[in-house]
N, C-alpha and C. Protein backbone atom coordinates (compact mmCIF):
# COMPACT_ATOMS: atom_id res chain seq x y z
N MET A 1 0.78 -1.13 0.01
CA MET A 1 -0.07 0.07 -0.06
C MET A 1 0.92 1.29 0.13
N ASN A 2 0.57 2.28 -0.86
CA ASN A 2 1.24 3.48 -0.84
C ASN A 2 1.33 4.36 0.38
N ILE A 3 2.50 5.07 0.68
CA ILE A 3 2.35 5.92 1.84
C ILE A 3 1.76 7.17 1.22
N LYS A 4 0.79 7.86 2.09
CA LYS A 4 0.13 9.17 1.49
C LYS A 4 0.52 10.08 2.56
N ALA A 5 0.81 9.96 3.90
CA ALA A 5 1.22 10.76 4.79
C ALA A 5 2.46 10.62 5.74
N VAL A 6 3.28 11.64 5.77
CA VAL A 6 4.39 11.54 6.71
C VAL A 6 4.45 12.44 7.69
N LEU A 7 4.55 11.52 8.87
CA LEU A 7 4.57 12.22 10.31
C LEU A 7 6.09 12.43 10.92
N PHE A 8 6.01 13.59 11.34
CA PHE A 8 7.38 13.94 11.79
C PHE A 8 7.34 14.43 13.39
N ASP A 9 8.34 13.74 14.15
CA ASP A 9 8.59 14.28 15.38
C ASP A 9 9.29 15.55 15.06
N VAL A 10 9.46 16.47 16.07
CA VAL A 10 9.92 18.10 15.83
C VAL A 10 11.15 17.91 16.35
N ASP A 11 11.41 17.94 17.72
CA ASP A 11 12.72 18.12 18.24
C ASP A 11 13.79 16.85 17.91
N GLY A 12 14.79 17.03 17.30
CA GLY A 12 15.74 16.13 16.74
C GLY A 12 15.55 15.26 15.71
N THR A 13 14.45 15.88 14.93
CA THR A 13 14.21 15.44 13.50
C THR A 13 13.83 16.39 12.64
N LEU A 14 12.85 17.45 12.60
CA LEU A 14 12.78 18.53 11.92
C LEU A 14 13.78 19.68 12.29
N LEU A 15 13.78 19.95 13.64
CA LEU A 15 14.69 20.98 14.14
C LEU A 15 15.82 20.43 14.91
N ASP A 16 16.77 21.21 14.85
CA ASP A 16 17.93 20.81 15.58
C ASP A 16 17.77 22.00 16.91
N THR A 17 17.28 21.33 17.79
CA THR A 17 16.93 22.31 19.25
C THR A 17 17.79 21.50 20.28
N ASN A 18 19.02 21.06 20.03
CA ASN A 18 19.92 20.75 20.98
C ASN A 18 20.13 21.75 22.09
N GLU A 19 20.59 22.85 21.72
CA GLU A 19 20.68 24.12 22.61
C GLU A 19 19.48 24.53 23.48
N TYR A 20 18.59 24.59 22.36
CA TYR A 20 17.12 25.05 22.78
C TYR A 20 16.68 24.34 24.04
N ILE A 21 16.68 22.87 23.99
CA ILE A 21 16.37 22.11 25.02
C ILE A 21 17.25 21.88 26.04
N TYR A 22 18.70 21.54 25.69
CA TYR A 22 19.66 21.35 26.83
C TYR A 22 19.59 22.56 27.71
N GLN A 23 19.77 23.73 27.10
CA GLN A 23 19.99 24.96 27.86
C GLN A 23 18.70 25.28 28.81
N ALA A 24 17.44 24.86 28.18
CA ALA A 24 16.26 24.94 29.07
C ALA A 24 16.27 24.10 30.26
N PHE A 25 16.74 22.98 30.23
CA PHE A 25 17.00 22.03 31.25
C PHE A 25 18.00 22.49 32.18
N GLU A 26 19.09 22.96 31.81
CA GLU A 26 20.23 23.49 32.54
C GLU A 26 19.81 24.67 33.44
N HIS A 27 19.17 25.74 32.55
CA HIS A 27 18.63 26.83 33.36
C HIS A 27 17.72 26.52 34.49
N SER A 28 16.69 25.60 34.19
CA SER A 28 15.50 25.39 35.29
C SER A 28 16.24 24.63 36.44
N LEU A 29 17.19 23.66 36.20
CA LEU A 29 17.92 22.63 37.23
C LEU A 29 18.83 23.49 37.94
N ASP A 30 19.44 24.43 37.22
CA ASP A 30 20.65 25.11 38.15
C ASP A 30 19.75 26.13 39.20
N LEU A 31 18.61 26.26 38.88
CA LEU A 31 17.68 27.31 40.02
C LEU A 31 17.67 26.48 41.24
N HIS A 32 17.65 25.26 41.11
CA HIS A 32 17.22 24.41 42.36
C HIS A 32 18.09 23.26 42.65
N TYR A 33 18.80 22.61 41.82
CA TYR A 33 19.51 21.59 41.79
C TYR A 33 21.07 21.59 41.63
N GLU A 34 22.06 20.67 41.72
CA GLU A 34 23.29 20.69 41.28
C GLU A 34 23.33 20.38 39.70
N PRO A 35 24.04 21.05 38.94
CA PRO A 35 24.21 20.81 37.68
C PRO A 35 24.05 19.45 37.27
N MET A 36 23.52 19.12 36.05
CA MET A 36 23.65 17.75 35.73
C MET A 36 24.25 17.79 34.42
N SER A 37 24.89 16.72 33.96
CA SER A 37 25.66 16.52 32.71
C SER A 37 24.66 16.45 31.59
N ARG A 38 25.16 16.67 30.34
CA ARG A 38 24.24 16.32 29.35
C ARG A 38 23.92 15.11 28.89
N GLU A 39 24.87 14.26 29.29
CA GLU A 39 24.78 12.78 29.12
C GLU A 39 23.66 12.32 29.89
N ILE A 40 23.37 12.74 31.02
CA ILE A 40 22.29 12.31 31.87
C ILE A 40 21.07 12.90 31.46
N LEU A 41 21.02 14.14 30.87
CA LEU A 41 19.92 14.68 30.42
C LEU A 41 19.42 14.20 29.33
N GLN A 42 20.38 13.70 28.38
CA GLN A 42 20.15 12.97 26.98
C GLN A 42 19.18 11.93 27.21
N LYS A 43 19.30 11.09 28.18
CA LYS A 43 18.72 9.67 28.36
C LYS A 43 17.29 10.19 28.69
N VAL A 44 16.66 11.33 28.96
CA VAL A 44 15.13 11.44 28.94
C VAL A 44 14.55 12.19 27.80
N MET A 45 15.19 12.52 26.99
CA MET A 45 14.91 13.35 25.65
C MET A 45 13.80 12.51 25.07
N GLY A 46 12.79 13.15 24.69
CA GLY A 46 11.64 12.53 23.86
C GLY A 46 10.49 12.36 24.73
N LYS A 47 10.77 12.07 26.18
CA LYS A 47 9.50 12.04 27.11
C LYS A 47 8.73 13.23 27.44
N PRO A 48 7.48 13.30 27.78
CA PRO A 48 6.86 14.37 28.23
C PRO A 48 7.66 15.21 29.12
N LEU A 49 7.65 16.60 29.06
CA LEU A 49 8.61 17.34 29.85
C LEU A 49 8.49 17.04 31.43
N GLU A 50 7.17 17.11 32.07
CA GLU A 50 7.22 16.71 33.53
C GLU A 50 7.69 15.59 33.81
N GLU A 51 7.46 14.60 33.00
CA GLU A 51 7.86 13.02 33.22
C GLU A 51 9.56 13.24 33.21
N CYS A 52 10.19 13.94 32.29
CA CYS A 52 11.70 14.26 32.49
C CYS A 52 12.21 14.71 33.57
N TYR A 53 11.38 15.68 34.29
CA TYR A 53 11.90 16.28 35.45
C TYR A 53 11.59 15.17 36.70
N ARG A 54 10.56 14.53 36.56
CA ARG A 54 10.27 13.62 37.77
C ARG A 54 11.57 12.57 37.63
N ILE A 55 11.92 12.19 36.45
CA ILE A 55 13.08 11.21 36.47
C ILE A 55 14.26 11.74 37.09
N LEU A 56 14.59 12.89 36.54
CA LEU A 56 15.89 13.47 36.86
C LEU A 56 15.97 13.98 38.31
N THR A 57 14.76 14.31 38.91
CA THR A 57 14.98 15.02 40.42
C THR A 57 14.49 13.96 41.29
N GLU A 58 13.74 12.93 40.81
CA GLU A 58 12.95 11.80 41.86
C GLU A 58 12.09 12.76 42.56
N GLN A 59 11.56 13.78 42.15
CA GLN A 59 10.43 14.53 42.79
C GLN A 59 9.03 14.49 41.99
N GLU A 60 7.95 14.56 42.86
CA GLU A 60 6.78 14.19 42.07
C GLU A 60 6.33 15.58 41.65
N ASP A 61 6.23 16.77 42.33
CA ASP A 61 5.62 18.20 42.07
C ASP A 61 7.03 18.58 41.29
N VAL A 62 6.83 18.73 39.98
CA VAL A 62 7.83 19.39 39.27
C VAL A 62 7.58 20.79 38.37
N THR A 63 6.13 20.91 38.82
CA THR A 63 5.61 22.22 38.22
C THR A 63 6.42 23.60 38.06
N GLU A 64 7.34 23.77 39.25
CA GLU A 64 8.30 24.97 38.94
C GLU A 64 9.37 24.75 38.15
N LEU A 65 9.71 23.51 38.08
CA LEU A 65 10.81 23.35 37.09
C LEU A 65 10.23 23.28 35.41
N ALA A 66 9.15 22.80 35.28
CA ALA A 66 8.48 22.80 34.05
C ALA A 66 8.20 24.26 33.39
N ASN A 67 7.65 25.11 34.37
CA ASN A 67 7.33 26.39 34.24
C ASN A 67 8.66 27.20 33.82
N ALA A 68 9.72 27.19 34.52
CA ALA A 68 10.93 27.65 34.20
C ALA A 68 11.39 27.30 32.81
N HIS A 69 11.27 26.04 32.82
CA HIS A 69 11.76 25.65 31.46
C HIS A 69 11.02 26.33 30.18
N HIS A 70 9.55 26.20 30.27
CA HIS A 70 8.73 27.06 29.28
C HIS A 70 9.14 28.45 29.08
N VAL A 71 9.26 28.95 30.20
CA VAL A 71 9.68 30.49 30.02
C VAL A 71 11.34 30.73 29.32
N PHE A 72 11.95 29.71 29.62
CA PHE A 72 13.31 30.05 28.93
C PHE A 72 12.92 29.68 27.41
N GLN A 73 12.08 28.75 27.11
CA GLN A 73 12.07 28.57 25.73
C GLN A 73 11.21 29.58 24.86
N VAL A 74 10.58 30.16 25.46
CA VAL A 74 9.65 31.17 24.94
C VAL A 74 10.51 32.37 24.71
N GLU A 75 11.49 32.80 25.67
CA GLU A 75 12.38 33.86 25.56
C GLU A 75 13.56 33.51 24.71
N ASN A 76 13.85 32.22 24.15
CA ASN A 76 14.84 31.81 23.59
C ASN A 76 14.65 31.08 21.95
N PRO A 77 13.77 31.50 21.51
CA PRO A 77 13.30 30.35 20.03
C PRO A 77 14.45 30.43 18.98
N HIS A 78 15.62 31.53 19.12
CA HIS A 78 16.25 31.53 18.11
C HIS A 78 17.39 30.37 18.38
N LEU A 79 17.27 29.64 19.19
CA LEU A 79 18.24 28.71 19.84
C LEU A 79 17.80 27.33 19.02
N SER A 80 16.93 27.32 18.32
CA SER A 80 16.08 26.30 17.42
C SER A 80 16.39 26.53 16.00
N MET A 81 16.75 25.55 15.33
CA MET A 81 16.89 26.15 13.78
C MET A 81 16.57 24.55 12.85
N PRO A 82 16.24 24.62 11.68
CA PRO A 82 15.91 23.45 11.07
C PRO A 82 17.20 22.66 10.72
N PHE A 83 17.19 21.31 10.64
CA PHE A 83 18.37 20.78 10.37
C PHE A 83 18.59 20.80 8.59
N PRO A 84 19.95 20.74 8.36
CA PRO A 84 20.18 20.65 6.77
C PRO A 84 19.19 19.76 6.09
N ASN A 85 18.67 20.31 4.85
CA ASN A 85 17.83 19.58 3.87
C ASN A 85 16.33 19.70 4.56
N THR A 86 16.07 19.94 5.50
CA THR A 86 14.80 19.84 6.27
C THR A 86 13.76 20.50 5.47
N LEU A 87 13.85 21.93 4.94
CA LEU A 87 12.89 22.70 4.44
C LEU A 87 12.79 22.23 2.80
N LYS A 88 13.83 21.85 2.03
CA LYS A 88 14.09 21.34 1.01
C LYS A 88 13.33 19.98 0.94
N ILE A 89 13.33 19.34 1.66
CA ILE A 89 12.56 17.84 1.82
C ILE A 89 11.15 18.16 2.03
N LEU A 90 10.67 19.07 2.88
CA LEU A 90 9.39 19.40 3.04
C LEU A 90 8.61 19.82 1.90
N LYS A 91 9.54 20.75 1.21
CA LYS A 91 9.04 21.25 -0.18
C LYS A 91 8.73 20.17 -1.41
N GLN A 92 9.69 19.28 -1.23
CA GLN A 92 9.53 18.05 -2.29
C GLN A 92 8.27 17.28 -1.83
N LEU A 93 8.26 16.79 -0.61
CA LEU A 93 7.07 16.03 -0.12
C LEU A 93 5.83 16.89 -0.62
N LYS A 94 5.48 18.00 -0.48
CA LYS A 94 4.32 18.72 -0.54
C LYS A 94 4.19 18.79 -2.11
N LYS A 95 5.38 18.96 -2.89
CA LYS A 95 5.33 18.82 -4.69
C LYS A 95 4.76 17.39 -4.87
N ASP A 96 5.17 16.43 -4.21
CA ASP A 96 4.64 15.01 -4.83
C ASP A 96 3.34 14.63 -4.08
N ASN A 97 2.74 15.75 -3.45
CA ASN A 97 1.32 15.51 -2.91
C ASN A 97 1.26 14.46 -1.45
N TYR A 98 2.31 14.55 -0.78
CA TYR A 98 2.07 13.69 0.62
C TYR A 98 1.68 14.85 1.56
N SER A 99 0.88 14.30 2.48
CA SER A 99 0.11 14.95 3.69
C SER A 99 1.42 14.81 4.54
N ILE A 100 1.74 16.13 5.20
CA ILE A 100 2.56 16.14 6.33
C ILE A 100 1.99 16.76 7.71
N ALA A 101 2.62 16.07 8.60
CA ALA A 101 2.08 16.41 10.08
C ALA A 101 3.36 16.52 10.95
N ALA A 102 3.24 17.23 12.22
CA ALA A 102 4.19 17.24 13.00
C ALA A 102 3.48 16.62 14.26
N VAL A 103 4.13 15.77 14.97
CA VAL A 103 3.75 14.97 16.10
C VAL A 103 4.82 15.19 17.32
N THR A 104 4.59 15.81 18.31
CA THR A 104 5.58 16.16 19.36
C THR A 104 5.05 16.01 20.72
N THR A 105 5.83 15.89 21.63
CA THR A 105 5.63 15.76 23.15
C THR A 105 5.91 17.13 23.52
N ARG A 106 6.10 17.95 22.76
CA ARG A 106 6.31 19.50 23.31
C ARG A 106 4.89 20.13 23.42
N ALA A 107 4.83 21.20 24.11
CA ALA A 107 3.84 22.18 24.21
C ALA A 107 3.42 23.12 23.06
N ARG A 108 2.40 23.15 22.76
CA ARG A 108 1.94 23.75 21.43
C ARG A 108 2.55 25.16 21.32
N ASN A 109 2.47 26.02 22.25
CA ASN A 109 2.97 27.46 22.02
C ASN A 109 4.50 27.38 21.72
N THR A 110 5.26 26.70 22.44
CA THR A 110 6.73 26.81 22.13
C THR A 110 6.99 26.18 20.94
N ALA A 111 6.21 25.02 20.51
CA ALA A 111 6.66 24.16 19.47
C ALA A 111 6.15 25.04 18.12
N GLU A 112 4.94 25.82 18.24
CA GLU A 112 4.40 26.58 17.17
C GLU A 112 5.41 27.70 16.86
N ASP A 113 6.06 28.26 17.91
CA ASP A 113 6.91 29.35 17.65
C ASP A 113 8.32 29.00 17.16
N THR A 114 8.82 27.86 17.35
CA THR A 114 9.93 27.57 16.82
C THR A 114 9.64 26.98 15.21
N LEU A 115 8.64 26.27 15.08
CA LEU A 115 8.26 25.71 13.70
C LEU A 115 7.88 27.03 12.79
N ASP A 116 7.47 28.07 13.34
CA ASP A 116 7.08 29.25 12.45
C ASP A 116 8.49 29.96 12.23
N GLU A 117 8.99 30.25 13.20
CA GLU A 117 10.35 30.90 13.12
C GLU A 117 11.49 30.28 12.09
N SER A 118 11.30 28.88 12.11
CA SER A 118 12.30 28.13 11.13
C SER A 118 11.55 28.20 9.78
N GLY A 119 10.55 28.59 9.43
CA GLY A 119 9.96 28.19 8.22
C GLY A 119 9.15 27.18 7.93
N ILE A 120 9.11 26.09 8.84
CA ILE A 120 8.50 24.82 8.65
C ILE A 120 6.86 24.92 8.62
N LEU A 121 6.42 25.88 9.66
CA LEU A 121 4.90 25.57 9.77
C LEU A 121 4.06 25.74 8.52
N PRO A 122 4.47 26.50 7.58
CA PRO A 122 3.63 26.55 6.14
C PRO A 122 3.33 25.17 5.64
N PHE A 123 4.40 24.17 5.96
CA PHE A 123 4.42 22.99 5.18
C PHE A 123 3.53 21.92 5.72
N LEU A 124 3.20 22.27 6.87
CA LEU A 124 2.25 21.13 7.64
C LEU A 124 0.91 21.30 7.49
N ASP A 125 0.32 20.23 7.35
CA ASP A 125 -1.02 20.16 7.14
C ASP A 125 -1.80 19.86 8.38
N TYR A 126 -1.03 19.50 9.56
CA TYR A 126 -1.65 18.97 10.52
C TYR A 126 -0.72 19.00 11.73
N PHE A 127 -0.78 19.29 13.06
CA PHE A 127 0.01 19.55 14.04
C PHE A 127 -0.44 18.75 15.34
N VAL A 128 0.15 17.96 15.68
CA VAL A 128 -0.46 17.59 17.02
C VAL A 128 0.64 17.56 18.31
N ALA A 129 0.38 18.52 19.12
CA ALA A 129 1.27 18.81 20.37
C ALA A 129 0.80 17.76 21.76
N ILE A 130 1.50 17.84 22.53
CA ILE A 130 1.04 17.15 24.04
C ILE A 130 -0.07 17.75 24.50
N ASP A 131 -0.40 18.94 24.15
CA ASP A 131 -1.71 19.37 24.63
C ASP A 131 -2.97 18.86 24.10
N ASP A 132 -2.85 18.26 22.85
CA ASP A 132 -3.90 17.68 22.14
C ASP A 132 -4.38 16.18 22.54
N VAL A 133 -3.53 15.54 23.36
CA VAL A 133 -3.73 14.21 23.50
C VAL A 133 -3.69 13.92 25.03
N ALA A 134 -4.44 12.95 25.24
CA ALA A 134 -4.43 12.37 26.82
C ALA A 134 -3.44 11.41 27.05
N ASN A 135 -2.89 10.64 25.93
CA ASN A 135 -1.83 9.88 26.28
C ASN A 135 -0.80 10.11 25.13
N PRO A 136 0.57 10.70 25.51
CA PRO A 136 1.54 11.08 24.66
C PRO A 136 2.25 9.91 24.08
N LYS A 137 2.99 10.08 23.19
CA LYS A 137 3.96 8.93 22.71
C LYS A 137 4.90 8.58 23.88
N PRO A 138 5.02 7.07 23.94
CA PRO A 138 5.01 6.05 23.18
C PRO A 138 3.54 5.70 22.68
N HIS A 139 2.44 6.05 23.51
CA HIS A 139 1.06 5.80 23.06
C HIS A 139 0.83 6.04 21.47
N ALA A 140 -0.29 5.14 21.01
CA ALA A 140 -0.57 5.26 19.72
C ALA A 140 -1.43 6.42 19.44
N GLU A 141 -1.92 7.15 20.38
CA GLU A 141 -2.82 8.23 20.16
C GLU A 141 -2.44 9.32 19.41
N PRO A 142 -1.21 9.94 19.61
CA PRO A 142 -0.69 11.04 18.89
C PRO A 142 -0.85 10.75 17.33
N VAL A 143 -0.15 9.64 17.05
CA VAL A 143 -0.09 9.27 15.62
C VAL A 143 -1.16 9.00 15.09
N MET A 144 -2.12 8.26 15.77
CA MET A 144 -3.64 7.96 15.31
C MET A 144 -4.31 9.16 15.02
N LYS A 145 -4.16 10.19 15.86
CA LYS A 145 -4.83 11.52 15.69
C LYS A 145 -4.59 12.05 14.39
N ALA A 146 -3.40 11.91 13.93
CA ALA A 146 -2.82 12.55 12.60
C ALA A 146 -3.54 11.71 11.48
N VAL A 147 -3.21 10.23 11.63
CA VAL A 147 -3.81 9.29 10.96
C VAL A 147 -5.43 9.55 10.44
N ASN A 148 -5.84 9.87 11.49
CA ASN A 148 -7.54 9.99 11.51
C ASN A 148 -7.75 11.24 10.71
N TYR A 149 -6.98 12.31 11.05
CA TYR A 149 -7.31 13.53 10.54
C TYR A 149 -7.20 13.50 8.99
N PHE A 150 -6.21 12.73 8.49
CA PHE A 150 -5.97 12.58 7.07
C PHE A 150 -7.10 11.57 6.38
N GLY A 151 -7.66 10.72 7.27
CA GLY A 151 -8.70 9.74 6.86
C GLY A 151 -7.92 8.76 6.00
N ILE A 152 -6.98 8.17 6.38
CA ILE A 152 -6.17 7.18 5.66
C ILE A 152 -6.15 5.99 6.68
N ASP A 153 -5.79 4.77 6.22
CA ASP A 153 -5.45 3.80 6.80
C ASP A 153 -3.76 3.80 7.49
N PRO A 154 -3.50 3.12 8.72
CA PRO A 154 -2.45 3.47 9.58
C PRO A 154 -1.38 3.11 8.41
N ALA A 155 -1.57 1.92 7.50
CA ALA A 155 -0.53 1.50 6.68
C ALA A 155 -0.18 2.35 5.64
N GLU A 156 -0.84 3.32 5.39
CA GLU A 156 -0.77 4.49 4.44
C GLU A 156 0.20 5.74 5.15
N ALA A 157 0.62 5.50 6.14
CA ALA A 157 1.57 6.60 7.07
C ALA A 157 2.61 6.11 7.38
N MET A 158 3.53 7.09 7.50
CA MET A 158 5.03 6.90 7.95
C MET A 158 5.23 7.89 9.31
N MET A 159 6.08 7.23 10.36
CA MET A 159 6.33 8.25 11.36
C MET A 159 7.51 8.29 11.26
N VAL A 160 8.28 9.40 11.32
CA VAL A 160 9.67 9.69 11.47
C VAL A 160 10.23 10.40 12.58
N GLY A 161 11.18 9.70 13.43
CA GLY A 161 11.66 10.31 14.88
C GLY A 161 13.02 9.73 15.09
N ASP A 162 13.61 10.58 16.24
CA ASP A 162 14.85 10.35 16.68
C ASP A 162 15.01 9.58 17.89
N SER A 163 13.69 9.43 18.49
CA SER A 163 13.86 8.54 19.83
C SER A 163 12.84 7.29 19.74
N ASP A 164 13.22 6.52 20.72
CA ASP A 164 12.40 5.33 21.06
C ASP A 164 10.96 5.66 20.97
N VAL A 165 10.24 6.52 21.74
CA VAL A 165 9.18 6.81 21.78
C VAL A 165 8.69 7.18 20.51
N ASP A 166 9.11 7.79 19.80
CA ASP A 166 8.62 7.92 18.45
C ASP A 166 8.37 6.62 17.68
N VAL A 167 9.44 5.83 17.66
CA VAL A 167 9.23 4.51 16.97
C VAL A 167 8.12 3.57 17.65
N MET A 168 8.18 3.63 18.85
CA MET A 168 7.10 2.92 19.67
C MET A 168 5.73 3.23 19.40
N ALA A 169 5.51 4.60 19.15
CA ALA A 169 4.25 5.20 19.07
C ALA A 169 3.83 4.90 17.54
N GLY A 170 4.86 4.85 16.80
CA GLY A 170 4.49 4.41 15.34
C GLY A 170 3.97 3.09 15.25
N LYS A 171 4.73 2.13 15.89
CA LYS A 171 4.68 0.70 15.92
C LYS A 171 3.18 0.42 16.57
N ASN A 172 2.97 1.11 17.76
CA ASN A 172 1.94 0.84 18.41
C ASN A 172 0.47 1.36 17.54
N ALA A 173 0.74 2.29 16.45
CA ALA A 173 -0.24 2.57 15.86
C ALA A 173 -0.62 1.92 14.46
N GLY A 174 0.43 1.02 14.19
CA GLY A 174 0.56 0.41 13.00
C GLY A 174 1.02 1.01 11.62
N VAL A 175 1.95 1.99 11.96
CA VAL A 175 2.49 2.77 10.76
C VAL A 175 3.82 2.30 10.40
N LEU A 176 4.26 2.78 9.50
CA LEU A 176 5.70 2.41 8.99
C LEU A 176 6.65 3.40 9.98
N THR A 177 7.96 2.98 10.20
CA THR A 177 8.57 3.62 11.34
C THR A 177 10.01 3.95 10.80
N VAL A 178 10.33 5.29 10.73
CA VAL A 178 11.74 5.65 10.36
C VAL A 178 12.38 6.22 11.41
N GLY A 179 13.62 5.77 11.92
CA GLY A 179 14.61 6.25 12.95
C GLY A 179 15.54 7.20 12.15
N VAL A 180 15.77 8.51 12.91
CA VAL A 180 16.96 9.09 12.22
C VAL A 180 18.02 9.27 13.35
N SER A 181 19.26 9.15 12.60
CA SER A 181 20.54 8.81 13.64
C SER A 181 21.06 10.06 14.01
N TYR A 182 20.69 11.44 13.22
CA TYR A 182 21.27 12.78 13.46
C TYR A 182 20.70 13.39 14.60
N GLY A 183 19.74 12.90 15.32
CA GLY A 183 18.93 13.53 16.42
C GLY A 183 19.56 13.33 17.86
N PHE A 184 18.68 13.48 18.89
CA PHE A 184 19.28 13.38 20.18
C PHE A 184 19.89 12.30 20.68
N HIS A 185 19.28 11.19 20.12
CA HIS A 185 19.76 9.83 20.43
C HIS A 185 20.78 9.32 19.56
N GLY A 186 21.21 9.90 18.58
CA GLY A 186 22.21 9.05 17.59
C GLY A 186 21.93 7.73 16.94
N GLU A 187 22.92 7.06 16.97
CA GLU A 187 23.05 5.81 16.42
C GLU A 187 22.26 4.73 17.35
N SER A 188 21.85 4.94 18.41
CA SER A 188 21.15 4.03 19.42
C SER A 188 19.75 4.26 18.84
N ILE A 189 19.34 4.98 17.95
CA ILE A 189 17.93 4.81 17.67
C ILE A 189 17.74 3.44 17.12
N VAL A 190 18.70 2.86 16.68
CA VAL A 190 18.61 1.20 16.02
C VAL A 190 17.91 0.42 16.94
N GLU A 191 18.17 0.64 18.36
CA GLU A 191 17.83 -0.38 19.45
C GLU A 191 16.24 -0.20 19.43
N ALA A 192 15.64 0.84 18.86
CA ALA A 192 14.08 0.81 18.97
C ALA A 192 13.56 -0.10 17.99
N ASP A 193 14.30 -0.52 16.85
CA ASP A 193 13.89 -1.47 15.65
C ASP A 193 13.05 -0.79 14.82
N PRO A 194 13.46 0.47 14.23
CA PRO A 194 12.42 1.06 13.43
C PRO A 194 12.67 0.13 11.86
N ASP A 195 11.55 0.39 11.22
CA ASP A 195 11.62 -0.32 9.86
C ASP A 195 12.81 0.21 8.89
N PHE A 196 13.31 1.27 9.28
CA PHE A 196 14.42 2.19 8.33
C PHE A 196 15.15 3.12 9.47
N VAL A 197 16.29 3.20 9.26
CA VAL A 197 17.15 4.23 9.88
C VAL A 197 17.95 4.99 8.75
N ILE A 198 17.65 6.53 9.02
CA ILE A 198 18.39 7.23 8.00
C ILE A 198 19.42 8.28 8.66
N ASP A 199 20.31 8.72 8.11
CA ASP A 199 21.38 9.64 8.62
C ASP A 199 21.26 11.06 8.15
N ASP A 200 20.24 11.08 7.17
CA ASP A 200 19.97 12.52 6.81
C ASP A 200 18.39 12.51 6.33
N ILE A 201 17.50 13.59 6.62
CA ILE A 201 16.11 13.63 6.31
C ILE A 201 15.98 13.53 4.79
N SER A 202 16.84 13.64 3.84
CA SER A 202 16.53 13.46 2.60
C SER A 202 16.58 11.99 2.14
N GLU A 203 16.92 11.15 3.02
CA GLU A 203 16.77 9.73 2.52
C GLU A 203 15.55 9.23 2.50
N ILE A 204 14.58 10.24 3.08
CA ILE A 204 12.88 9.77 2.99
C ILE A 204 12.57 9.69 1.77
N VAL A 205 13.06 10.35 0.98
CA VAL A 205 12.57 10.45 -0.51
C VAL A 205 12.75 8.96 -1.07
N GLU A 206 14.02 8.40 -1.06
CA GLU A 206 14.32 7.07 -1.57
C GLU A 206 13.36 5.92 -0.77
N ILE A 207 13.07 6.18 0.44
CA ILE A 207 12.32 5.16 1.12
C ILE A 207 11.01 5.34 0.59
N LEU A 208 10.21 6.17 0.35
CA LEU A 208 8.92 6.48 -0.41
C LEU A 208 8.92 5.97 -1.66
N LYS A 209 10.00 5.94 -2.24
CA LYS A 209 10.03 5.48 -3.85
C LYS A 209 9.92 3.83 -3.85
N LYS A 210 10.28 3.28 -2.67
CA LYS A 210 10.19 1.95 -2.48
C LYS A 210 8.83 1.52 -1.95
N GLU A 211 8.16 2.18 -1.33
CA GLU A 211 6.88 1.94 -0.70
C GLU A 211 5.71 1.94 -1.74
């Protein structure tokens, strides 16, 4: 069955948000805790924000940390930028009549700001943020929300992401999964067992030609 829609994770997949996210964690944690290495922070990337802080601090109430994180990101959208070839490939996908969605565990306000500033937002036909679902990735709900919006079968969609939760959400929804090795989790994305692994977003075009 031919793929009709491509669903992308945002951070580490469409956008290089390394500094945008790491600096937000560092800013928030430095207010209340001892500094943590980026190696430690990297292990929680891709999970919902409050879950990240609960894991990192072993505290249940992380509202203050999450709020400081959001404030930092609202004030620093310039720390986020598209990966090389992102805009080129999105333009190609639109030209080839694929539907495009972003599916993120980030809050809608900051995600929209960075997608807009990067020039990506106009290419999106649909956008699922953590605000829009009861069960974030790795649950199937965010992926199925996009699939249902496009009115297609799960087998006609592809989920592209840099973390295990992206791949798991795609698998749970029954869509084709593509892991990217250039994001937060690097080559370890293979451990999530996606259907394909790519080193550059441009490789999506070749995968679509095969499907």
